[in-house]
C-alpha atoms as a PDB file:
ATOM      1  CA  MET A   1      66.730  70.743 154.682  1.00  0.00           C
ATOM      2  CA  ASN A   2      66.755  67.049 155.604  1.00  0.00           C
ATOM      3  CA  TRP A   3      66.638  66.370 159.370  1.00  0.00           C
ATOM      4  CA  ASP A   4      68.136  63.116 160.583  1.00  0.00           C
ATOM      5  CA  SER A   5      69.969  61.759 163.616  1.00  0.00           C
ATOM      6  CA  GLU A   6      73.170  63.425 162.375  1.00  0.00           C
ATOM      7  CA  THR A   7      71.641  66.910 162.477  1.00  0.00           C
ATOM      8  CA  PRO A   8      73.014  68.936 165.412  1.00  0.00           C
ATOM      9  CA  PRO A   9      70.222  69.841 167.869  1.00  0.00           C
ATOM     10  CA  GLU A  10      70.822  73.588 167.435  1.00  0.00           C
ATOM     11  CA  GLN A  11      70.010  73.207 163.738  1.00  0.00           C
ATOM     12  CA  ALA A  12      67.057  70.906 164.309  1.00  0.00           C
ATOM     13  CA  CYS A  13      65.669  73.340 166.881  1.00  0.00           C
ATOM     14  CA  PRO A  14      67.147  76.824 166.597  1.00  0.00           C
ATOM     15  CA  ILE A  15      65.939  77.853 170.067  1.00  0.00           C
ATOM     16  CA  ALA A  16      67.740  74.962 171.813  1.00  0.00           C
ATOM     17  CA  PRO A  17      70.837  77.078 172.622  1.00  0.00           C
ATOM     18  CA  VAL A  18      68.619  79.808 174.089  1.00  0.00           C
ATOM     19  CA  VAL A  19      66.781  77.279 176.248  1.00  0.00           C
ATOM     20  CA  ASP A  20      70.125  75.883 177.444  1.00  0.00           C
ATOM     21  CA  ILE A  21      71.368  79.353 178.402  1.00  0.00           C
ATOM     22  CA  VAL A  22      68.257  80.941 179.857  1.00  0.00           C
ATOM     23  CA  PHE A  23      66.157  78.126 181.250  1.00  0.00           C
ATOM     24  CA  SER A  24      68.606  76.086 183.259  1.00  0.00           C
ATOM     25  CA  ARG A  25      67.524  75.339 186.836  1.00  0.00           C
ATOM     26  CA  TRP A  26      68.571  78.570 188.586  1.00  0.00           C
ATOM     27  CA  THR A  27      69.146  80.996 185.724  1.00  0.00           C
ATOM     28  CA  THR A  28      65.582  82.221 185.407  1.00  0.00           C
ATOM     29  CA  PRO A  29      65.150  83.028 189.141  1.00  0.00           C
ATOM     30  CA  ILE A  30      68.517  84.830 189.154  1.00  0.00           C
ATOM     31  CA  LEU A  31      67.691  86.953 186.129  1.00  0.00           C
ATOM     32  CA  TRP A  32      64.153  87.594 187.386  1.00  0.00           C
ATOM     33  CA  SER A  33      65.463  88.768 190.763  1.00  0.00           C
ATOM     34  CA  LEU A  34      68.062  91.051 189.190  1.00  0.00           C
ATOM     35  CA  GLN A  35      65.459  92.471 186.804  1.00  0.00           C
ATOM     36  CA  GLU A  36      62.903  93.067 189.577  1.00  0.00           C
ATOM     37  CA  HIS A  37      65.200  94.271 192.373  1.00  0.00           C
ATOM     38  CA  GLY A  38      68.176  95.768 190.548  1.00  0.00           C
ATOM     39  CA  ARG A  39      71.798  95.490 191.609  1.00  0.00           C
ATOM     40  CA  GLN A  40      72.275  93.036 194.468  1.00  0.00           C
ATOM     41  CA  ARG A  41      74.974  91.513 196.600  1.00  0.00           C
ATOM     42  CA  PHE A  42      75.433  87.755 196.600  1.00  0.00           C
ATOM     43  CA  SER A  43      73.732  87.331 199.979  1.00  0.00           C
ATOM     44  CA  GLU A  44      70.707  89.343 198.817  1.00  0.00           C
ATOM     45  CA  LEU A  45      70.315  87.170 195.739  1.00  0.00           C
ATOM     46  CA  GLU A  46      70.741  84.010 197.778  1.00  0.00           C
ATOM     47  CA  ARG A  47      68.062  85.140 200.244  1.00  0.00           C
ATOM     48  CA  ARG A  48      65.609  86.260 197.556  1.00  0.00           C
ATOM     49  CA  ILE A  49      65.926  83.128 195.463  1.00  0.00           C
ATOM     50  CA  GLY A  50      65.871  80.643 198.335  1.00  0.00           C
ATOM     51  CA  GLY A  51      66.731  76.963 198.050  1.00  0.00           C
ATOM     52  CA  VAL A  52      69.877  77.488 195.989  1.00  0.00           C
ATOM     53  CA  THR A  53      73.220  76.554 197.528  1.00  0.00           C
ATOM     54  CA  ALA A  54      76.034  79.109 197.593  1.00  0.00           C
ATOM     55  CA  LYS A  55      78.110  76.841 195.348  1.00  0.00           C
ATOM     56  CA  VAL A  56      75.401  76.550 192.696  1.00  0.00           C
ATOM     57  CA  LEU A  57      74.580  80.263 192.844  1.00  0.00           C
ATOM     58  CA  THR A  58      78.273  81.076 192.360  1.00  0.00           C
ATOM     59  CA  GLN A  59      78.482  78.718 189.376  1.00  0.00           C
ATOM     60  CA  ARG A  60      75.344  80.123 187.739  1.00  0.00           C
ATOM     61  CA  LEU A  61      76.425  83.736 188.285  1.00  0.00           C
ATOM     62  CA  ARG A  62      79.814  82.997 186.709  1.00  0.00           C
ATOM     63  CA  GLN A  63      78.122  81.355 183.726  1.00  0.00           C
ATOM     64  CA  LEU A  64      75.682  84.245 183.343  1.00  0.00           C
ATOM     65  CA  GLU A  65      78.577  86.701 183.501  1.00  0.00           C
ATOM     66  CA  ARG A  66      80.431  84.641 180.879  1.00  0.00           C
ATOM     67  CA  ASP A  67      77.303  84.647 178.665  1.00  0.00           C
ATOM     68  CA  GLY A  68      77.032  88.432 179.015  1.00  0.00           C
ATOM     69  CA  LEU A  69      73.678  88.361 180.830  1.00  0.00           C
ATOM     70  CA  VAL A  70      74.969  89.549 184.223  1.00  0.00           C
ATOM     71  CA  ILE A  71      77.515  92.197 185.191  1.00  0.00           C
ATOM     72  CA  ARG A  72      79.687  91.599 188.262  1.00  0.00           C
ATOM     73  CA  THR A  73      81.086  94.701 189.950  1.00  0.00           C
ATOM     74  CA  TYR A  74      83.922  94.354 192.452  1.00  0.00           C
ATOM     75  CA  THR A  75      84.567  97.268 194.794  1.00  0.00           C
ATOM     76  CA  PRO A  76      87.881  97.051 196.661  1.00  0.00           C
ATOM     77  CA  GLU A  77      86.892  98.101 200.168  1.00  0.00           C
ATOM     78  CA  ILE A  78      87.063  96.338 203.494  1.00  0.00           C
ATOM     79  CA  PRO A  79      85.334  93.966 203.355  1.00  0.00           C
ATOM     80  CA  PRO A  80      85.343  93.735 199.546  1.00  0.00           C
ATOM     81  CA  ARG A  81      81.985  94.472 197.951  1.00  0.00           C
ATOM     82  CA  VAL A  82      80.741  92.401 195.021  1.00  0.00           C
ATOM     83  CA  GLU A  83      77.434  93.210 193.364  1.00  0.00           C
ATOM     84  CA  TYR A  84      75.559  91.708 190.451  1.00  0.00           C
ATOM     85  CA  GLU A  85      73.176  93.344 188.024  1.00  0.00           C
ATOM     86  CA  ILE A  86      71.422  92.299 184.877  1.00  0.00           C
ATOM     87  CA  SER A  87      73.210  93.487 181.735  1.00  0.00           C
ATOM     88  CA  PRO A  88      71.523  95.160 178.765  1.00  0.00           C
ATOM     89  CA  LEU A  89      71.714  91.807 176.987  1.00  0.00           C
ATOM     90  CA  GLY A  90      70.016  90.156 179.985  1.00  0.00           C
ATOM     91  CA  ARG A  91      67.394  92.903 180.061  1.00  0.00           C
ATOM     92  CA  SER A  92      66.610  92.154 176.429  1.00  0.00           C
ATOM     93  CA  LEU A  93      65.074  88.893 177.694  1.00  0.00           C
ATOM     94  CA  GLY A  94      62.403  90.923 179.520  1.00  0.00           C
ATOM     95  CA  PRO A  95      59.777  90.672 176.755  1.00  0.00           C
ATOM     96  CA  LEU A  96      60.325  86.915 176.559  1.00  0.00           C
ATOM     97  CA  PHE A  97      59.855  86.573 180.317  1.00  0.00           C
ATOM     98  CA  ALA A  98      56.760  88.790 180.150  1.00  0.00           C
ATOM     99  CA  GLN A  99      55.259  86.595 177.417  1.00  0.00           C
ATOM    100  CA  LEU A 100      56.025  83.456 179.412  1.00  0.00           C
ATOM    101  CA  SER A 101      54.449  85.007 182.505  1.00  0.00           C
ATOM    102  CA  THR A 102      51.305  85.832 180.522  1.00  0.00           C
ATOM    103  CA  TRP A 103      51.245  82.328 179.052  1.00  0.00           C
ATOM    104  CA  ALA A 104      51.633  80.834 182.527  1.00  0.00           C
ATOM    105  CA  ALA A 105      48.765  82.894 183.941  1.00  0.00           C
ATOM    106  CA  GLU A 106      46.507  81.930 181.041  1.00  0.00           C
ATOM    107  CA  HIS A 107      47.454  78.270 180.576  1.00  0.00           C
ATOM    108  CA  LEU A 108      48.877  76.737 183.758  1.00  0.00           C
ATOM    109  CA  PRO A 109      45.390  75.985 185.078  1.00  0.00           C
ATOM    110  CA  ALA A 110      44.767  73.930 181.914  1.00  0.00           C
ATOM    111  CA  VAL A 111      48.116  72.182 182.379  1.00  0.00           C
ATOM    112  CA  GLY A 112      47.139  71.358 185.958  1.00  0.00           C
ATOM    113  CA  ALA A 113      43.778  70.004 184.821  1.00  0.00           C
ATOM    114  CA  ALA A 114      45.443  67.906 182.102  1.00  0.00           C
ATOM    115  CA  ARG A 115      47.818  66.443 184.689  1.00  0.00           C
ATOM    116  CA  VAL A 116      44.952  65.531 187.015  1.00  0.00           C
ATOM    117  CA  SER A 117      43.064  63.941 184.141  1.00  0.00           C
ATOM    118  CA  TYR A 118      46.142  62.025 182.989  1.00  0.00           C
ATOM    119  CA  ASP A 119      46.953  60.828 186.517  1.00  0.00           C
ATOM    120  CA  ASN A 120      43.347  59.653 187.030  1.00  0.00           C
ATOM    121  CA  VAL A 121      43.426  57.616 183.825  1.00  0.00           C
ATOM    122  CA  LYS A 122      46.847  56.096 184.599  1.00  0.00           C
ATOM    123  CA  ARG A 123      45.829  54.773 188.052  1.00  0.00           C
END
């Protein structure tokens, strides 16, 4: 296949759509928290993740629900109870996250050293 500037990115790099879905700014911490701690209320997620605004967390949760990675459960009680949990599709990302965690443990020190070396040369 001939790759040129007219080739859609998802064909040039078949993992691009996955990266867009899974590795946006707050998606990974949300999925990680739901995987590690199970079903959670919004306030629990917000507290565990830290640094995310309520607006952004709401947007990301809606997108993750739309993508089928998160399940939202509404319980009509007073006050209403809304909980989020990782879906089976979201759980299927577990091996990918495990591999990335292993890679990080093994290679982030080298990345840090490369950055220091690069920064020292560029001064």
